[in-house]
Amino acid sequence: PLEAPRVDRAPTLSRPQLWLAVCLPSLALECLSAAHLRKPAVVVEVQRGQSYVVAANREAANAGINLGNKLGTATTLAASLQVFERAPHLERASLESLARWAERLTSLVSIESSEGLLLEVAGSLKLFGSLEAIKTRVRDELSKRAFDSRLGVAPTATAALWLARGAGADALQA
């Protein structure tokens, strides 16, 4: 008769994870150095044969231009509108550079779509002293690079990303 395998000790659970998501909602503009122009500026992308606004600086937003507007609508709202074509390769290069920097904080860094990063920071808490210390380092670096950003922290990567995208409060376990 076959015997069940003998277990000498109970299996150990892996350590809890803590994810820090960095969302860069204006990256399409910022990597073109167009975010801080004094005139209304937008980045457009062609979708289904139409040019749509995918990023707008503050002046464009103040003129009533919203993400998803057709280019024709945007030019009607702001006569002196500066229009830039989206440059995915520059966005990706910016994210890769930021990801390389973030590896100073944790070994687990992932580029998330075209707008941000995910960092698993549970193992880094002891090294840096606190979650707030890690977030401060990230914010300082983003500020040096002149990136508009939102951060979110949660026990899962997906939750952290949703919090960062929605500018929600961190979801930390009690």
C-alpha atoms as a PDB file:
ATOM      1  CA  PRO A   1       0.000   0.000   0.000  1.00  0.00           C
ATOM      2  CA  LEU A   2       1.109   3.567  -0.787  1.00  0.00           C
ATOM      3  CA  GLU A   3       1.729   5.824   2.155  1.00  0.00           C
ATOM      4  CA  ALA A   4       1.027   9.524   2.201  1.00  0.00           C
ATOM      5  CA  PRO A   5       4.167  11.639   2.169  1.00  0.00           C
ATOM      6  CA  ARG A   6       5.318  12.631   5.599  1.00  0.00           C
ATOM      7  CA  VAL A   7       5.407  16.335   6.433  1.00  0.00           C
ATOM      8  CA  ASP A   8       7.892  17.280   9.121  1.00  0.00           C
ATOM      9  CA  ARG A   9       6.754  20.868   9.452  1.00  0.00           C
ATOM     10  CA  ALA A  10       3.875  22.991   8.350  1.00  0.00           C
ATOM     11  CA  PRO A  11       4.467  24.935   5.143  1.00  0.00           C
ATOM     12  CA  THR A  12       5.342  28.570   5.704  1.00  0.00           C
ATOM     13  CA  LEU A  13       3.367  31.287   4.016  1.00  0.00           C
ATOM     14  CA  SER A  14       5.266  33.775   1.922  1.00  0.00           C
ATOM     15  CA  ARG A  15       5.651  37.192   3.469  1.00  0.00           C
ATOM     16  CA  PRO A  16       2.857  39.713   2.920  1.00  0.00           C
ATOM     17  CA  GLN A  17       3.404  42.037   0.012  1.00  0.00           C
ATOM     18  CA  LEU A  18       3.077  45.802  -0.058  1.00  0.00           C
ATOM     19  CA  TRP A  19       2.866  47.505  -3.423  1.00  0.00           C
ATOM     20  CA  LEU A  20       3.602  51.126  -4.220  1.00  0.00           C
ATOM     21  CA  ALA A  21       2.140  52.261  -7.532  1.00  0.00           C
ATOM     22  CA  VAL A  22       3.354  55.398  -9.274  1.00  0.00           C
ATOM     23  CA  CYS A  23       0.939  56.880 -11.791  1.00  0.00           C
ATOM     24  CA  LEU A  24       2.245  59.544 -14.172  1.00  0.00           C
ATOM     25  CA  PRO A  25      -0.910  60.985 -15.746  1.00  0.00           C
ATOM     26  CA  SER A  26       0.908  63.718 -17.698  1.00  0.00           C
ATOM     27  CA  LEU A  27       3.854  61.657 -18.916  1.00  0.00           C
ATOM     28  CA  ALA A  28       2.868  62.035 -22.589  1.00  0.00           C
ATOM     29  CA  LEU A  29       3.334  65.809 -22.191  1.00  0.00           C
ATOM     30  CA  GLU A  30       6.193  65.786 -19.723  1.00  0.00           C
ATOM     31  CA  CYS A  31       8.497  63.611 -21.798  1.00  0.00           C
ATOM     32  CA  LEU A  32       8.076  66.145 -24.624  1.00  0.00           C
ATOM     33  CA  SER A  33       8.840  69.046 -22.242  1.00  0.00           C
ATOM     34  CA  ALA A  34       5.445  70.473 -23.176  1.00  0.00           C
ATOM     35  CA  ALA A  35       3.699  70.275 -19.807  1.00  0.00           C
ATOM     36  CA  HIS A  36       4.971  73.616 -18.576  1.00  0.00           C
ATOM     37  CA  LEU A  37       4.370  75.700 -21.686  1.00  0.00           C
ATOM     38  CA  ARG A  38       2.576  78.971 -21.026  1.00  0.00           C
ATOM     39  CA  LYS A  39       0.270  78.404 -24.001  1.00  0.00           C
ATOM     40  CA  PRO A  40      -2.367  75.658 -24.214  1.00  0.00           C
ATOM     41  CA  ALA A  41      -0.709  72.429 -25.346  1.00  0.00           C
ATOM     42  CA  VAL A  42      -1.998  68.936 -26.010  1.00  0.00           C
ATOM     43  CA  VAL A  43      -0.658  65.571 -27.066  1.00  0.00           C
ATOM     44  CA  VAL A  44      -2.774  63.722 -29.598  1.00  0.00           C
ATOM     45  CA  GLU A  45      -2.948  60.145 -30.758  1.00  0.00           C
ATOM     46  CA  VAL A  46      -4.694  58.838 -33.851  1.00  0.00           C
ATOM     47  CA  GLN A  47      -7.433  56.323 -33.065  1.00  0.00           C
ATOM     48  CA  ARG A  48      -9.801  55.000 -35.705  1.00  0.00           C
ATOM     49  CA  GLY A  49      -8.676  57.657 -38.160  1.00  0.00           C
ATOM     50  CA  GLN A  50      -9.269  60.585 -35.769  1.00  0.00           C
ATOM     51  CA  SER A  51      -6.808  62.535 -33.619  1.00  0.00           C
ATOM     52  CA  TYR A  52      -7.798  62.517 -29.948  1.00  0.00           C
ATOM     53  CA  VAL A  53      -6.328  64.422 -27.001  1.00  0.00           C
ATOM     54  CA  VAL A  54      -4.453  62.032 -24.672  1.00  0.00           C
ATOM     55  CA  ALA A  55      -2.765  64.689 -22.518  1.00  0.00           C
ATOM     56  CA  ALA A  56      -3.298  68.393 -21.919  1.00  0.00           C
ATOM     57  CA  ASN A  57      -1.384  70.962 -19.912  1.00  0.00           C
ATOM     58  CA  ARG A  58      -3.055  73.208 -17.327  1.00  0.00           C
ATOM     59  CA  GLU A  59      -3.620  76.045 -19.807  1.00  0.00           C
ATOM     60  CA  ALA A  60      -5.394  73.685 -22.214  1.00  0.00           C
ATOM     61  CA  ALA A  61      -7.540  72.288 -19.404  1.00  0.00           C
ATOM     62  CA  ASN A  62      -8.419  75.836 -18.328  1.00  0.00           C
ATOM     63  CA  ALA A  63      -9.579  76.482 -21.899  1.00  0.00           C
ATOM     64  CA  GLY A  64     -12.025  73.583 -21.530  1.00  0.00           C
ATOM     65  CA  ILE A  65     -10.021  70.904 -23.329  1.00  0.00           C
ATOM     66  CA  ASN A  66     -10.527  67.436 -21.860  1.00  0.00           C
ATOM     67  CA  LEU A  67      -8.838  64.103 -22.428  1.00  0.00           C
ATOM     68  CA  GLY A  68     -10.643  62.288 -25.199  1.00  0.00           C
ATOM     69  CA  ASN A  69     -11.626  65.446 -27.094  1.00  0.00           C
ATOM     70  CA  LYS A  70     -11.170  65.318 -30.837  1.00  0.00           C
ATOM     71  CA  LEU A  71      -8.415  67.598 -32.092  1.00  0.00           C
ATOM     72  CA  GLY A  72     -10.965  69.724 -33.950  1.00  0.00           C
ATOM     73  CA  THR A  73     -12.838  70.388 -30.729  1.00  0.00           C
ATOM     74  CA  ALA A  74      -9.606  71.252 -28.926  1.00  0.00           C
ATOM     75  CA  THR A  75      -8.503  73.753 -31.591  1.00  0.00           C
ATOM     76  CA  THR A  76     -11.929  75.394 -31.417  1.00  0.00           C
ATOM     77  CA  LEU A  77     -11.565  75.861 -27.663  1.00  0.00           C
ATOM     78  CA  ALA A  78      -8.018  77.270 -27.829  1.00  0.00           C
ATOM     79  CA  ALA A  79      -6.977  79.145 -30.970  1.00  0.00           C
ATOM     80  CA  SER A  80      -3.292  79.263 -29.994  1.00  0.00           C
ATOM     81  CA  LEU A  81      -3.181  75.534 -29.173  1.00  0.00           C
ATOM     82  CA  GLN A  82       0.169  73.805 -29.563  1.00  0.00           C
ATOM     83  CA  VAL A  83      -0.297  70.220 -30.739  1.00  0.00           C
ATOM     84  CA  PHE A  84       2.219  67.430 -30.265  1.00  0.00           C
ATOM     85  CA  GLU A  85       2.044  63.890 -31.583  1.00  0.00           C
ATOM     86  CA  ARG A  86       2.326  61.205 -28.936  1.00  0.00           C
ATOM     87  CA  ALA A  87       5.831  59.721 -28.658  1.00  0.00           C
ATOM     88  CA  PRO A  88       5.484  56.274 -27.040  1.00  0.00           C
ATOM     89  CA  HIS A  89       9.227  55.625 -27.354  1.00  0.00           C
ATOM     90  CA  LEU A  90       9.992  58.713 -25.245  1.00  0.00           C
ATOM     91  CA  GLU A  91       7.370  57.733 -22.674  1.00  0.00           C
ATOM     92  CA  ARG A  92       8.867  54.248 -22.463  1.00  0.00           C
ATOM     93  CA  ALA A  93      12.404  55.634 -22.139  1.00  0.00           C
ATOM     94  CA  SER A  94      11.258  57.886 -19.279  1.00  0.00           C
ATOM     95  CA  LEU A  95       9.604  54.941 -17.520  1.00  0.00           C
ATOM     96  CA  GLU A  96      12.659  52.720 -17.990  1.00  0.00           C
ATOM     97  CA  SER A  97      14.917  55.407 -16.561  1.00  0.00           C
ATOM     98  CA  LEU A  98      12.628  55.838 -13.563  1.00  0.00           C
ATOM     99  CA  ALA A  99      12.430  52.053 -13.098  1.00  0.00           C
ATOM    100  CA  ARG A 100      16.237  51.804 -13.041  1.00  0.00           C
ATOM    101  CA  TRP A 101      16.313  54.502 -10.370  1.00  0.00           C
ATOM    102  CA  ALA A 102      13.549  52.726  -8.369  1.00  0.00           C
ATOM    103  CA  GLU A 103      15.701  49.581  -8.176  1.00  0.00           C
ATOM    104  CA  ARG A 104      17.649  51.494  -5.500  1.00  0.00           C
ATOM    105  CA  LEU A 105      14.574  51.066  -3.301  1.00  0.00           C
ATOM    106  CA  THR A 106      13.511  47.512  -4.142  1.00  0.00           C
ATOM    107  CA  SER A 107      14.524  44.712  -6.459  1.00  0.00           C
ATOM    108  CA  LEU A 108      10.955  44.171  -7.671  1.00  0.00           C
ATOM    109  CA  VAL A 109      10.039  47.006 -10.043  1.00  0.00           C
ATOM    110  CA  SER A 110       7.635  46.687 -12.935  1.00  0.00           C
ATOM    111  CA  ILE A 111       6.637  49.125 -15.668  1.00  0.00           C
ATOM    112  CA  GLU A 112       2.859  49.285 -15.780  1.00  0.00           C
ATOM    113  CA  SER A 113       1.370  50.153 -19.171  1.00  0.00           C
ATOM    114  CA  SER A 114       2.413  53.540 -20.511  1.00  0.00           C
ATOM    115  CA  GLU A 115       1.766  55.551 -17.394  1.00  0.00           C
ATOM    116  CA  GLY A 116       3.539  54.221 -14.357  1.00  0.00           C
ATOM    117  CA  LEU A 117       5.468  51.825 -12.197  1.00  0.00           C
ATOM    118  CA  LEU A 118       4.810  49.209  -9.565  1.00  0.00           C
ATOM    119  CA  LEU A 119       7.256  48.646  -6.711  1.00  0.00           C
ATOM    120  CA  GLU A 120       6.959  45.845  -4.157  1.00  0.00           C
ATOM    121  CA  VAL A 121       8.282  47.545  -1.017  1.00  0.00           C
ATOM    122  CA  ALA A 122       7.494  45.235   1.918  1.00  0.00           C
ATOM    123  CA  GLY A 123      11.086  44.008   2.060  1.00  0.00           C
ATOM    124  CA  SER A 124      12.407  47.575   1.907  1.00  0.00           C
ATOM    125  CA  LEU A 125      10.552  48.902   4.942  1.00  0.00           C
ATOM    126  CA  LYS A 126      13.243  47.847   7.390  1.00  0.00           C
ATOM    127  CA  LEU A 127      16.028  49.255   5.234  1.00  0.00           C
ATOM    128  CA  PHE A 128      14.413  52.678   4.793  1.00  0.00           C
ATOM    129  CA  GLY A 129      12.643  52.844   8.157  1.00  0.00           C
ATOM    130  CA  SER A 130       9.069  53.344   7.013  1.00  0.00           C
ATOM    131  CA  LEU A 131       6.690  53.440   4.105  1.00  0.00           C
ATOM    132  CA  GLU A 132       6.593  57.224   4.373  1.00  0.00           C
ATOM    133  CA  ALA A 133      10.387  57.378   3.958  1.00  0.00           C
ATOM    134  CA  ILE A 134      10.132  55.327   0.746  1.00  0.00           C
ATOM    135  CA  LYS A 135       7.288  57.475  -0.567  1.00  0.00           C
ATOM    136  CA  THR A 136       9.288  60.626   0.213  1.00  0.00           C
ATOM    137  CA  ARG A 137      12.265  59.331  -1.807  1.00  0.00           C
ATOM    138  CA  VAL A 138       9.961  58.511  -4.720  1.00  0.00           C
ATOM    139  CA  ARG A 139       8.241  61.907  -4.568  1.00  0.00           C
ATOM    140  CA  ASP A 140      11.600  63.704  -4.400  1.00  0.00           C
ATOM    141  CA  GLU A 141      12.860  61.887  -7.490  1.00  0.00           C
ATOM    142  CA  LEU A 142       9.639  62.537  -9.388  1.00  0.00           C
ATOM    143  CA  SER A 143       9.856  66.202  -8.446  1.00  0.00           C
ATOM    144  CA  LYS A 144      13.484  66.392  -9.681  1.00  0.00           C
ATOM    145  CA  ARG A 145      12.310  64.954 -12.996  1.00  0.00           C
ATOM    146  CA  ALA A 146       9.366  67.422 -13.070  1.00  0.00           C
ATOM    147  CA  PHE A 147       6.804  64.603 -13.268  1.00  0.00           C
ATOM    148  CA  ASP A 148       3.246  65.114 -12.096  1.00  0.00           C
ATOM    149  CA  SER A 149       2.450  61.969 -10.132  1.00  0.00           C
ATOM    150  CA  ARG A 150       0.027  60.128  -7.912  1.00  0.00           C
ATOM    151  CA  LEU A 151       1.022  57.335  -5.548  1.00  0.00           C
ATOM    152  CA  GLY A 152      -1.045  54.487  -4.180  1.00  0.00           C
ATOM    153  CA  VAL A 153      -0.145  51.764  -1.701  1.00  0.00           C
ATOM    154  CA  ALA A 154      -1.976  48.483  -1.120  1.00  0.00           C
ATOM    155  CA  PRO A 155      -1.327  44.802  -0.380  1.00  0.00           C
ATOM    156  CA  THR A 156      -1.875  43.901  -4.059  1.00  0.00           C
ATOM    157  CA  ALA A 157      -0.406  45.438  -7.188  1.00  0.00           C
ATOM    158  CA  THR A 158      -3.794  45.898  -8.837  1.00  0.00           C
ATOM    159  CA  ALA A 159      -5.262  47.690  -5.830  1.00  0.00           C
ATOM    160  CA  ALA A 160      -2.240  49.985  -5.534  1.00  0.00           C
ATOM    161  CA  LEU A 161      -2.501  50.855  -9.216  1.00  0.00           C
ATOM    162  CA  TRP A 162      -6.217  51.632  -8.966  1.00  0.00           C
ATOM    163  CA  LEU A 163      -5.610  53.818  -5.925  1.00  0.00           C
ATOM    164  CA  ALA A 164      -2.834  55.720  -7.700  1.00  0.00           C
ATOM    165  CA  ARG A 165      -4.914  56.219 -10.844  1.00  0.00           C
ATOM    166  CA  GLY A 166      -7.885  57.423  -8.817  1.00  0.00           C
ATOM    167  CA  ALA A 167      -5.832  59.477  -6.340  1.00  0.00           C
ATOM    168  CA  GLY A 168      -7.296  57.420  -3.494  1.00  0.00           C
ATOM    169  CA  ALA A 169      -5.981  56.965   0.010  1.00  0.00           C
ATOM    170  CA  ASP A 170      -3.543  54.149   0.710  1.00  0.00           C
ATOM    171  CA  ALA A 171      -5.121  50.816   1.628  1.00  0.00           C
ATOM    172  CA  LEU A 172      -2.966  49.390   4.394  1.00  0.00           C
ATOM    173  CA  GLN A 173      -3.765  46.303   6.427  1.00  0.00           C
ATOM    174  CA  ALA A 174      -4.505  46.915  10.088  1.00  0.00           C
END
